[in-house]
Amino acid sequence: MKRFTFLIFTIFTVSAALSQCLPDGITFTTQEQIDNFQIDYPGCTEIEGDVMIFSDYDITNLIGLRFLKSITGELIIMGNDSLTSLTGLDSLTNIGSHLRIGYYFGEAIGNISLSSITGLHGVTSIGGDLEICGNSSLINLNGLDNIEPESIFELFISNNDLLSSCEAQSVCNYLASSSYIVAIHENTLGCNSIAEVKEACETVSIKEMKLMDLKITPNPFNNSTTISYNLPQQATVQISIFNHLGKQVDFIQQNQSSGKQQITWDASGLPSGVYYFRMQAGEQVASGKLLLVK
């Protein structure tokens, strides 16, 4: 019995050790490092130190980091001129310190080809500053919606030449807090000042947040997930679901009474990827993102 207990303890200890790694952090400077991450650090899903991705033209994608779930330190992605998206970070849920997509060192050092940061949609918490700087191809902040505003210390959005839509839910909630430290400037019209972003947040949030206590569990999910919410009165609830190309892939309609309600979406016949839903109950509307992982 003691031998069996020792064996179980040993297996658990080894598994825990494999999931955590790199207490001193890591800097990725080549695509080969990214591609070989699971080979060089087998079983590593939680990096204990800081992570920097900084390569000039070499790094083109982050697919090799697709199993990474947590970074205890900060995540800095800057100076990657050939990186177009953050796909590959889809499993990442927690960053213990700053999240910087681009950085300001007397001048903006961003990622000039980065046009999408939706790969960060799984991140729900950071433990420091949120900085989006010097990404001259970025037009919106889709992907930052699920970050708890309480986990953001300071917010900096600057020097993104084409960035016109900054009303991600986390940004809106942060700006609605009673006290904050924020700088928004040198982007383009619509996201060139705090006032512009606040105005955009008001027009979006008033309509989309009326369905109170909207929750999606689990998300990311495998095959099915449940959307829970409160209805102030009886209503016909309609949910349209779209893929990343904007094509409707499902439609659900139910008559529901007031109070706590939920709808389960079965996506077993669809491929893995990011999906979007739009829910309407009477005149009330809500929307969100779903991540299907098989």
C-alpha atoms as a PDB file:
ATOM      1  CA  MET A   1       0.000   0.000   0.000  1.00  0.00           C
ATOM      2  CA  LYS A   2       2.829   2.407   0.870  1.00  0.00           C
ATOM      3  CA  ARG A   3       4.568   1.603  -2.393  1.00  0.00           C
ATOM      4  CA  PHE A   4       1.365   2.308  -4.349  1.00  0.00           C
ATOM      5  CA  THR A   5       0.852   5.604  -2.498  1.00  0.00           C
ATOM      6  CA  PHE A   6       4.436   6.618  -3.216  1.00  0.00           C
ATOM      7  CA  LEU A   7       3.949   5.812  -6.901  1.00  0.00           C
ATOM      8  CA  ILE A   8       0.811   7.961  -7.115  1.00  0.00           C
ATOM      9  CA  PHE A   9       2.584  10.823  -5.305  1.00  0.00           C
ATOM     10  CA  THR A  10       5.549  10.545  -7.672  1.00  0.00           C
ATOM     11  CA  ILE A  11       3.319  10.630 -10.767  1.00  0.00           C
ATOM     12  CA  PHE A  12       1.444  13.674  -9.420  1.00  0.00           C
ATOM     13  CA  THR A  13       4.690  15.477  -8.569  1.00  0.00           C
ATOM     14  CA  VAL A  14       6.182  14.829 -12.009  1.00  0.00           C
ATOM     15  CA  SER A  15       2.958  15.977 -13.728  1.00  0.00           C
ATOM     16  CA  ALA A  16       2.898  19.198 -11.703  1.00  0.00           C
ATOM     17  CA  ALA A  17       6.560  19.831 -12.461  1.00  0.00           C
ATOM     18  CA  LEU A  18       5.952  19.318 -16.180  1.00  0.00           C
ATOM     19  CA  SER A  19       3.041  21.771 -16.268  1.00  0.00           C
ATOM     20  CA  GLN A  20       5.154  24.548 -14.716  1.00  0.00           C
ATOM     21  CA  CYS A  21       8.444  25.668 -16.213  1.00  0.00           C
ATOM     22  CA  LEU A  22      10.888  28.495 -16.896  1.00  0.00           C
ATOM     23  CA  PRO A  23      10.966  30.325 -13.554  1.00  0.00           C
ATOM     24  CA  ASP A  24      13.418  32.800 -15.108  1.00  0.00           C
ATOM     25  CA  GLY A  25      11.166  33.370 -18.096  1.00  0.00           C
ATOM     26  CA  ILE A  26      11.988  33.120 -21.785  1.00  0.00           C
ATOM     27  CA  THR A  27      12.585  35.379 -24.778  1.00  0.00           C
ATOM     28  CA  PHE A  28      11.508  34.095 -28.183  1.00  0.00           C
ATOM     29  CA  THR A  29      13.550  35.594 -31.000  1.00  0.00           C
ATOM     30  CA  THR A  30      13.089  32.999 -33.785  1.00  0.00           C
ATOM     31  CA  GLN A  31      10.248  31.048 -35.359  1.00  0.00           C
ATOM     32  CA  GLU A  32      12.184  27.861 -34.619  1.00  0.00           C
ATOM     33  CA  GLN A  33      11.966  28.560 -30.877  1.00  0.00           C
ATOM     34  CA  ILE A  34       8.210  29.003 -31.138  1.00  0.00           C
ATOM     35  CA  ASP A  35       7.734  25.880 -33.277  1.00  0.00           C
ATOM     36  CA  ASN A  36       9.875  23.717 -30.979  1.00  0.00           C
ATOM     37  CA  PHE A  37       8.479  24.963 -27.669  1.00  0.00           C
ATOM     38  CA  GLN A  38       6.587  21.758 -26.866  1.00  0.00           C
ATOM     39  CA  ILE A  39       9.619  19.697 -27.869  1.00  0.00           C
ATOM     40  CA  ASP A  40      12.088  21.713 -25.815  1.00  0.00           C
ATOM     41  CA  TYR A  41       9.723  22.007 -22.819  1.00  0.00           C
ATOM     42  CA  PRO A  42       7.389  18.978 -22.998  1.00  0.00           C
ATOM     43  CA  GLY A  43       4.237  19.318 -20.917  1.00  0.00           C
ATOM     44  CA  CYS A  44       4.912  22.962 -20.067  1.00  0.00           C
ATOM     45  CA  THR A  45       1.628  24.893 -19.938  1.00  0.00           C
ATOM     46  CA  GLU A  46       2.460  27.439 -17.205  1.00  0.00           C
ATOM     47  CA  ILE A  47       5.512  29.676 -17.613  1.00  0.00           C
ATOM     48  CA  GLU A  48       6.542  31.009 -14.214  1.00  0.00           C
ATOM     49  CA  GLY A  49       8.640  33.949 -15.403  1.00  0.00           C
ATOM     50  CA  ASP A  50       8.310  36.745 -17.967  1.00  0.00           C
ATOM     51  CA  VAL A  51       7.736  36.048 -21.659  1.00  0.00           C
ATOM     52  CA  MET A  52       9.054  38.308 -24.419  1.00  0.00           C
ATOM     53  CA  ILE A  53       8.404  37.741 -28.134  1.00  0.00           C
ATOM     54  CA  PHE A  54      10.790  39.965 -30.090  1.00  0.00           C
ATOM     55  CA  SER A  55      12.161  38.948 -33.469  1.00  0.00           C
ATOM     56  CA  ASP A  56      12.291  41.631 -36.174  1.00  0.00           C
ATOM     57  CA  TYR A  57      11.169  39.665 -39.261  1.00  0.00           C
ATOM     58  CA  ASP A  58      11.672  36.025 -38.217  1.00  0.00           C
ATOM     59  CA  ILE A  59       8.559  35.165 -36.200  1.00  0.00           C
ATOM     60  CA  THR A  60       5.466  34.852 -38.397  1.00  0.00           C
ATOM     61  CA  ASN A  61       3.068  32.916 -36.125  1.00  0.00           C
ATOM     62  CA  LEU A  62       2.613  31.704 -32.532  1.00  0.00           C
ATOM     63  CA  ILE A  63       0.984  28.323 -33.215  1.00  0.00           C
ATOM     64  CA  GLY A  64       3.737  26.535 -31.288  1.00  0.00           C
ATOM     65  CA  LEU A  65       2.446  28.142 -28.072  1.00  0.00           C
ATOM     66  CA  ARG A  66      -1.088  26.775 -28.485  1.00  0.00           C
ATOM     67  CA  PHE A  67      -0.990  24.752 -25.238  1.00  0.00           C
ATOM     68  CA  LEU A  68       0.211  27.629 -23.062  1.00  0.00           C
ATOM     69  CA  LYS A  69      -2.374  28.401 -20.359  1.00  0.00           C
ATOM     70  CA  SER A  70      -0.697  30.761 -17.906  1.00  0.00           C
ATOM     71  CA  ILE A  71       2.206  33.211 -17.580  1.00  0.00           C
ATOM     72  CA  THR A  72       3.083  34.201 -14.028  1.00  0.00           C
ATOM     73  CA  GLY A  73       5.152  37.196 -15.122  1.00  0.00           C
ATOM     74  CA  GLU A  74       4.535  39.724 -17.883  1.00  0.00           C
ATOM     75  CA  LEU A  75       3.930  39.139 -21.584  1.00  0.00           C
ATOM     76  CA  ILE A  76       5.598  41.515 -24.037  1.00  0.00           C
ATOM     77  CA  ILE A  77       5.082  41.153 -27.790  1.00  0.00           C
ATOM     78  CA  MET A  78       7.031  43.812 -29.697  1.00  0.00           C
ATOM     79  CA  GLY A  79       9.246  44.398 -32.709  1.00  0.00           C
ATOM     80  CA  ASN A  80       7.810  41.495 -34.700  1.00  0.00           C
ATOM     81  CA  ASP A  81       7.479  42.948 -38.181  1.00  0.00           C
ATOM     82  CA  SER A  82       6.121  39.768 -39.824  1.00  0.00           C
ATOM     83  CA  LEU A  83       3.626  38.738 -37.146  1.00  0.00           C
ATOM     84  CA  THR A  84       0.048  39.302 -38.369  1.00  0.00           C
ATOM     85  CA  SER A  85      -2.047  37.739 -35.578  1.00  0.00           C
ATOM     86  CA  LEU A  86      -1.818  36.292 -32.083  1.00  0.00           C
ATOM     87  CA  THR A  87      -3.462  33.002 -33.028  1.00  0.00           C
ATOM     88  CA  GLY A  88      -1.662  30.374 -30.968  1.00  0.00           C
ATOM     89  CA  LEU A  89      -2.279  32.116 -27.647  1.00  0.00           C
ATOM     90  CA  ASP A  90      -5.920  30.977 -27.630  1.00  0.00           C
ATOM     91  CA  SER A  91      -5.462  28.738 -24.555  1.00  0.00           C
ATOM     92  CA  LEU A  92      -3.887  31.505 -22.475  1.00  0.00           C
ATOM     93  CA  THR A  93      -6.179  32.573 -19.611  1.00  0.00           C
ATOM     94  CA  ASN A  94      -4.007  34.369 -17.070  1.00  0.00           C
ATOM     95  CA  ILE A  95      -1.059  36.797 -17.133  1.00  0.00           C
ATOM     96  CA  GLY A  96       0.392  37.606 -13.731  1.00  0.00           C
ATOM     97  CA  SER A  97       1.885  40.973 -14.616  1.00  0.00           C
ATOM     98  CA  HIS A  98       1.841  43.453 -17.525  1.00  0.00           C
ATOM     99  CA  LEU A  99       0.412  42.698 -20.956  1.00  0.00           C
ATOM    100  CA  ARG A 100       2.189  44.793 -23.569  1.00  0.00           C
ATOM    101  CA  ILE A 101       1.416  44.494 -27.281  1.00  0.00           C
ATOM    102  CA  GLY A 102       4.093  46.915 -28.366  1.00  0.00           C
ATOM    103  CA  TYR A 103       6.031  49.133 -25.993  1.00  0.00           C
ATOM    104  CA  TYR A 104       7.153  52.741 -25.728  1.00  0.00           C
ATOM    105  CA  PHE A 105      10.907  53.248 -25.163  1.00  0.00           C
ATOM    106  CA  GLY A 106      11.156  56.933 -26.063  1.00  0.00           C
ATOM    107  CA  GLU A 107       9.652  55.756 -29.357  1.00  0.00           C
ATOM    108  CA  ALA A 108       6.921  53.258 -30.145  1.00  0.00           C
ATOM    109  CA  ILE A 109       8.180  49.732 -30.822  1.00  0.00           C
ATOM    110  CA  GLY A 110       5.192  47.748 -31.995  1.00  0.00           C
ATOM    111  CA  ASN A 111       4.349  45.000 -34.444  1.00  0.00           C
ATOM    112  CA  ILE A 112       3.838  46.704 -37.789  1.00  0.00           C
ATOM    113  CA  SER A 113       1.937  43.877 -39.534  1.00  0.00           C
ATOM    114  CA  LEU A 114      -0.222  42.830 -36.575  1.00  0.00           C
ATOM    115  CA  SER A 115      -3.843  43.239 -37.663  1.00  0.00           C
ATOM    116  CA  SER A 116      -5.622  40.953 -35.191  1.00  0.00           C
ATOM    117  CA  ILE A 117      -5.271  40.272 -31.459  1.00  0.00           C
ATOM    118  CA  THR A 118      -8.304  37.973 -31.188  1.00  0.00           C
ATOM    119  CA  GLY A 119      -5.943  35.216 -30.051  1.00  0.00           C
ATOM    120  CA  LEU A 120      -6.066  36.805 -26.586  1.00  0.00           C
ATOM    121  CA  HIS A 121      -9.818  36.240 -26.202  1.00  0.00           C
ATOM    122  CA  GLY A 122      -9.267  33.593 -23.507  1.00  0.00           C
ATOM    123  CA  VAL A 123      -7.357  35.950 -21.195  1.00  0.00           C
ATOM    124  CA  THR A 124      -9.558  36.874 -18.234  1.00  0.00           C
ATOM    125  CA  SER A 125      -7.000  38.407 -15.872  1.00  0.00           C
ATOM    126  CA  ILE A 126      -3.720  40.307 -15.899  1.00  0.00           C
ATOM    127  CA  GLY A 127      -1.809  41.677 -12.949  1.00  0.00           C
ATOM    128  CA  GLY A 128      -0.422  44.914 -14.269  1.00  0.00           C
ATOM    129  CA  ASP A 129      -0.564  47.445 -17.082  1.00  0.00           C
ATOM    130  CA  LEU A 130      -2.332  46.897 -20.395  1.00  0.00           C
ATOM    131  CA  GLU A 131      -0.420  48.587 -23.212  1.00  0.00           C
ATOM    132  CA  ILE A 132      -1.238  48.589 -26.937  1.00  0.00           C
ATOM    133  CA  CYS A 133       1.392  50.640 -28.734  1.00  0.00           C
ATOM    134  CA  GLY A 134       2.921  51.038 -32.176  1.00  0.00           C
ATOM    135  CA  ASN A 135       0.859  48.442 -34.042  1.00  0.00           C
ATOM    136  CA  SER A 136       0.329  50.277 -37.306  1.00  0.00           C
ATOM    137  CA  SER A 137      -1.959  47.664 -38.930  1.00  0.00           C
ATOM    138  CA  LEU A 138      -4.296  47.128 -35.964  1.00  0.00           C
ATOM    139  CA  ILE A 139      -7.824  48.509 -36.457  1.00  0.00           C
ATOM    140  CA  ASN A 140      -9.681  47.229 -33.352  1.00  0.00           C
ATOM    141  CA  LEU A 141      -9.145  45.630 -29.944  1.00  0.00           C
ATOM    142  CA  ASN A 142     -11.293  42.542 -30.470  1.00  0.00           C
ATOM    143  CA  GLY A 143      -9.774  39.887 -28.230  1.00  0.00           C
ATOM    144  CA  LEU A 144      -9.484  41.951 -25.057  1.00  0.00           C
ATOM    145  CA  ASP A 145     -13.182  41.788 -24.108  1.00  0.00           C
ATOM    146  CA  ASN A 146     -12.897  39.173 -21.358  1.00  0.00           C
ATOM    147  CA  ILE A 147     -10.177  40.758 -19.172  1.00  0.00           C
ATOM    148  CA  GLU A 148     -11.489  41.702 -15.738  1.00  0.00           C
ATOM    149  CA  PRO A 149     -11.063  45.498 -15.439  1.00  0.00           C
ATOM    150  CA  GLU A 150     -10.090  45.131 -11.767  1.00  0.00           C
ATOM    151  CA  SER A 151      -6.958  43.257 -12.870  1.00  0.00           C
ATOM    152  CA  ILE A 152      -5.741  46.168 -15.035  1.00  0.00           C
ATOM    153  CA  PHE A 153      -3.464  48.629 -13.201  1.00  0.00           C
ATOM    154  CA  GLU A 154      -2.896  51.244 -15.923  1.00  0.00           C
ATOM    155  CA  LEU A 155      -4.053  51.508 -19.540  1.00  0.00           C
ATOM    156  CA  PHE A 156      -2.007  52.874 -22.441  1.00  0.00           C
ATOM    157  CA  ILE A 157      -3.221  52.897 -26.065  1.00  0.00           C
ATOM    158  CA  SER A 158      -1.036  54.967 -28.385  1.00  0.00           C
ATOM    159  CA  ASN A 159       0.740  55.260 -31.738  1.00  0.00           C
ATOM    160  CA  ASN A 160      -1.478  52.725 -33.510  1.00  0.00           C
ATOM    161  CA  ASP A 161      -1.967  54.480 -36.855  1.00  0.00           C
ATOM    162  CA  LEU A 162      -5.155  52.698 -38.002  1.00  0.00           C
ATOM    163  CA  LEU A 163      -6.736  51.937 -34.627  1.00  0.00           C
ATOM    164  CA  SER A 164     -10.248  53.452 -34.701  1.00  0.00           C
ATOM    165  CA  SER A 165     -12.275  51.021 -32.558  1.00  0.00           C
ATOM    166  CA  CYS A 166     -11.174  50.688 -28.932  1.00  0.00           C
ATOM    167  CA  GLU A 167     -14.482  49.854 -27.243  1.00  0.00           C
ATOM    168  CA  ALA A 168     -13.488  46.351 -26.093  1.00  0.00           C
ATOM    169  CA  GLN A 169     -15.563  45.467 -23.049  1.00  0.00           C
ATOM    170  CA  SER A 170     -12.560  45.402 -20.715  1.00  0.00           C
ATOM    171  CA  VAL A 171     -11.518  48.886 -21.855  1.00  0.00           C
ATOM    172  CA  CYS A 172     -15.067  50.223 -21.456  1.00  0.00           C
ATOM    173  CA  ASN A 173     -15.395  48.747 -17.971  1.00  0.00           C
ATOM    174  CA  TYR A 174     -11.998  50.114 -16.944  1.00  0.00           C
ATOM    175  CA  LEU A 175     -12.903  53.620 -18.132  1.00  0.00           C
ATOM    176  CA  ALA A 176     -16.184  53.380 -16.238  1.00  0.00           C
ATOM    177  CA  SER A 177     -14.396  52.725 -12.944  1.00  0.00           C
ATOM    178  CA  SER A 178     -14.208  55.521 -10.383  1.00  0.00           C
ATOM    179  CA  SER A 179     -10.445  55.890 -10.626  1.00  0.00           C
ATOM    180  CA  TYR A 180      -7.980  54.943 -13.321  1.00  0.00           C
ATOM    181  CA  ILE A 181      -4.677  55.853 -14.938  1.00  0.00           C
ATOM    182  CA  VAL A 182      -4.978  55.955 -18.705  1.00  0.00           C
ATOM    183  CA  ALA A 183      -3.374  57.488 -21.781  1.00  0.00           C
ATOM    184  CA  ILE A 184      -5.036  57.254 -25.202  1.00  0.00           C
ATOM    185  CA  HIS A 185      -3.507  59.270 -28.054  1.00  0.00           C
ATOM    186  CA  GLU A 186      -1.904  59.202 -31.517  1.00  0.00           C
ATOM    187  CA  ASN A 187      -4.240  56.552 -32.879  1.00  0.00           C
ATOM    188  CA  THR A 188      -6.925  57.519 -35.393  1.00  0.00           C
ATOM    189  CA  LEU A 189     -10.405  59.050 -35.175  1.00  0.00           C
ATOM    190  CA  GLY A 190     -12.606  57.027 -32.845  1.00  0.00           C
ATOM    191  CA  CYS A 191      -9.726  56.017 -30.585  1.00  0.00           C
ATOM    192  CA  ASN A 192      -7.616  59.128 -30.403  1.00  0.00           C
ATOM    193  CA  SER A 193      -8.645  60.332 -26.954  1.00  0.00           C
ATOM    194  CA  ILE A 194     -10.281  59.169 -23.750  1.00  0.00           C
ATOM    195  CA  ALA A 195     -13.420  61.109 -24.675  1.00  0.00           C
ATOM    196  CA  GLU A 196     -13.734  59.381 -28.048  1.00  0.00           C
ATOM    197  CA  VAL A 197     -13.412  55.916 -26.514  1.00  0.00           C
ATOM    198  CA  LYS A 198     -15.878  56.727 -23.725  1.00  0.00           C
ATOM    199  CA  GLU A 199     -18.408  57.902 -26.293  1.00  0.00           C
ATOM    200  CA  ALA A 200     -18.002  54.695 -28.293  1.00  0.00           C
ATOM    201  CA  CYS A 201     -18.333  52.628 -25.107  1.00  0.00           C
ATOM    202  CA  GLU A 202     -21.615  54.330 -24.231  1.00  0.00           C
ATOM    203  CA  THR A 203     -23.234  53.611 -27.591  1.00  0.00           C
ATOM    204  CA  VAL A 204     -22.173  49.965 -27.487  1.00  0.00           C
ATOM    205  CA  SER A 205     -22.503  49.061 -23.832  1.00  0.00           C
ATOM    206  CA  ILE A 206     -25.949  50.524 -23.150  1.00  0.00           C
ATOM    207  CA  LYS A 207     -27.478  48.268 -25.776  1.00  0.00           C
ATOM    208  CA  GLU A 208     -25.434  45.144 -25.264  1.00  0.00           C
ATOM    209  CA  MET A 209     -25.253  44.877 -21.481  1.00  0.00           C
ATOM    210  CA  LYS A 210     -28.991  44.985 -20.680  1.00  0.00           C
ATOM    211  CA  LEU A 211     -29.136  41.208 -20.375  1.00  0.00           C
ATOM    212  CA  MET A 212     -27.721  41.145 -16.861  1.00  0.00           C
ATOM    213  CA  ASP A 213     -25.306  38.553 -15.485  1.00  0.00           C
ATOM    214  CA  LEU A 214     -24.522  37.081 -18.881  1.00  0.00           C
ATOM    215  CA  LYS A 215     -22.191  34.104 -18.400  1.00  0.00           C
ATOM    216  CA  ILE A 216     -20.762  31.467 -20.746  1.00  0.00           C
ATOM    217  CA  THR A 217     -19.710  28.189 -19.141  1.00  0.00           C
ATOM    218  CA  PRO A 218     -17.371  26.671 -20.122  1.00  0.00           C
ATOM    219  CA  ASN A 219     -15.513  28.921 -22.535  1.00  0.00           C
ATOM    220  CA  PRO A 220     -13.276  27.653 -24.138  1.00  0.00           C
ATOM    221  CA  PHE A 221     -15.384  24.489 -24.527  1.00  0.00           C
ATOM    222  CA  ASN A 222     -15.497  21.107 -26.212  1.00  0.00           C
ATOM    223  CA  ASN A 223     -18.679  20.254 -28.173  1.00  0.00           C
ATOM    224  CA  SER A 224     -21.170  22.239 -26.047  1.00  0.00           C
ATOM    225  CA  THR A 225     -21.404  25.316 -23.832  1.00  0.00           C
ATOM    226  CA  THR A 226     -24.156  27.037 -21.833  1.00  0.00           C
ATOM    227  CA  ILE A 227     -25.141  30.717 -22.051  1.00  0.00           C
ATOM    228  CA  SER A 228     -26.776  31.840 -18.780  1.00  0.00           C
ATOM    229  CA  TYR A 229     -28.551  35.158 -18.160  1.00  0.00           C
ATOM    230  CA  ASN A 230     -31.397  36.955 -16.374  1.00  0.00           C
ATOM    231  CA  LEU A 231     -34.548  38.058 -18.167  1.00  0.00           C
ATOM    232  CA  PRO A 232     -36.467  40.971 -16.597  1.00  0.00           C
ATOM    233  CA  GLN A 233     -39.667  39.735 -18.247  1.00  0.00           C
ATOM    234  CA  GLN A 234     -41.039  36.938 -20.428  1.00  0.00           C
ATOM    235  CA  ALA A 235     -39.541  37.036 -23.922  1.00  0.00           C
ATOM    236  CA  THR A 236     -38.762  35.132 -27.092  1.00  0.00           C
ATOM    237  CA  VAL A 237     -35.011  34.582 -26.988  1.00  0.00           C
ATOM    238  CA  GLN A 238     -33.158  34.302 -30.289  1.00  0.00           C
ATOM    239  CA  ILE A 239     -29.480  33.417 -30.563  1.00  0.00           C
ATOM    240  CA  SER A 240     -27.615  33.669 -33.863  1.00  0.00           C
ATOM    241  CA  ILE A 241     -24.130  32.158 -34.006  1.00  0.00           C
ATOM    242  CA  PHE A 242     -21.510  33.133 -36.583  1.00  0.00           C
ATOM    243  CA  ASN A 243     -18.071  31.819 -37.484  1.00  0.00           C
ATOM    244  CA  HIS A 244     -14.956  33.984 -37.763  1.00  0.00           C
ATOM    245  CA  LEU A 245     -15.871  34.869 -41.373  1.00  0.00           C
ATOM    246  CA  GLY A 246     -19.255  36.253 -40.302  1.00  0.00           C
ATOM    247  CA  LYS A 247     -21.277  33.329 -41.737  1.00  0.00           C
ATOM    248  CA  GLN A 248     -24.235  32.248 -39.602  1.00  0.00           C
ATOM    249  CA  VAL A 249     -23.759  28.623 -38.557  1.00  0.00           C
ATOM    250  CA  ASP A 250     -26.663  28.151 -36.122  1.00  0.00           C
ATOM    251  CA  PHE A 251     -29.868  29.753 -34.885  1.00  0.00           C
ATOM    252  CA  ILE A 252     -31.702  29.020 -31.631  1.00  0.00           C
ATOM    253  CA  GLN A 253     -35.120  30.334 -30.608  1.00  0.00           C
ATOM    254  CA  GLN A 254     -36.994  29.700 -27.355  1.00  0.00           C
ATOM    255  CA  ASN A 255     -39.898  31.265 -25.472  1.00  0.00           C
ATOM    256  CA  GLN A 256     -38.761  31.842 -21.888  1.00  0.00           C
ATOM    257  CA  SER A 257     -40.223  33.284 -18.706  1.00  0.00           C
ATOM    258  CA  SER A 258     -38.621  35.994 -16.548  1.00  0.00           C
ATOM    259  CA  GLY A 259     -35.786  35.178 -14.174  1.00  0.00           C
ATOM    260  CA  LYS A 260     -32.650  33.090 -14.528  1.00  0.00           C
ATOM    261  CA  GLN A 261     -32.513  31.249 -17.830  1.00  0.00           C
ATOM    262  CA  GLN A 262     -29.982  29.414 -19.955  1.00  0.00           C
ATOM    263  CA  ILE A 263     -29.503  27.953 -23.412  1.00  0.00           C
ATOM    264  CA  THR A 264     -27.020  25.209 -24.262  1.00  0.00           C
ATOM    265  CA  TRP A 265     -25.368  25.344 -27.665  1.00  0.00           C
ATOM    266  CA  ASP A 266     -24.288  22.030 -29.210  1.00  0.00           C
ATOM    267  CA  ALA A 267     -21.373  22.637 -31.576  1.00  0.00           C
ATOM    268  CA  SER A 268     -20.293  19.006 -31.954  1.00  0.00           C
ATOM    269  CA  GLY A 269     -20.718  19.150 -35.732  1.00  0.00           C
ATOM    270  CA  LEU A 270     -18.540  22.235 -36.202  1.00  0.00           C
ATOM    271  CA  PRO A 271     -14.753  22.605 -36.448  1.00  0.00           C
ATOM    272  CA  SER A 272     -12.592  24.135 -33.723  1.00  0.00           C
ATOM    273  CA  GLY A 273     -12.281  27.904 -33.803  1.00  0.00           C
ATOM    274  CA  VAL A 274     -13.634  31.266 -32.674  1.00  0.00           C
ATOM    275  CA  TYR A 275     -17.384  31.862 -32.954  1.00  0.00           C
ATOM    276  CA  TYR A 276     -19.551  34.870 -32.148  1.00  0.00           C
ATOM    277  CA  PHE A 277     -23.112  34.993 -30.855  1.00  0.00           C
ATOM    278  CA  ARG A 278     -25.803  37.652 -30.897  1.00  0.00           C
ATOM    279  CA  MET A 279     -28.689  37.229 -28.475  1.00  0.00           C
ATOM    280  CA  GLN A 280     -31.951  39.156 -28.687  1.00  0.00           C
ATOM    281  CA  ALA A 281     -34.797  39.054 -26.169  1.00  0.00           C
ATOM    282  CA  GLY A 282     -37.472  41.552 -27.132  1.00  0.00           C
ATOM    283  CA  GLU A 283     -35.657  44.871 -27.505  1.00  0.00           C
ATOM    284  CA  GLN A 284     -32.670  43.710 -25.451  1.00  0.00           C
ATOM    285  CA  VAL A 285     -29.477  42.623 -27.173  1.00  0.00           C
ATOM    286  CA  ALA A 286     -26.223  41.030 -26.037  1.00  0.00           C
ATOM    287  CA  SER A 287     -23.259  39.559 -27.853  1.00  0.00           C
ATOM    288  CA  GLY A 288     -20.057  37.688 -27.125  1.00  0.00           C
ATOM    289  CA  LYS A 289     -17.359  35.286 -28.278  1.00  0.00           C
ATOM    290  CA  LEU A 290     -17.082  31.524 -27.994  1.00  0.00           C
ATOM    291  CA  LEU A 291     -14.009  29.310 -28.393  1.00  0.00           C
ATOM    292  CA  LEU A 292     -14.586  25.749 -29.576  1.00  0.00           C
ATOM    293  CA  VAL A 293     -11.581  23.483 -28.917  1.00  0.00           C
ATOM    294  CA  LYS A 294     -11.661  19.805 -29.898  1.00  0.00           C
END
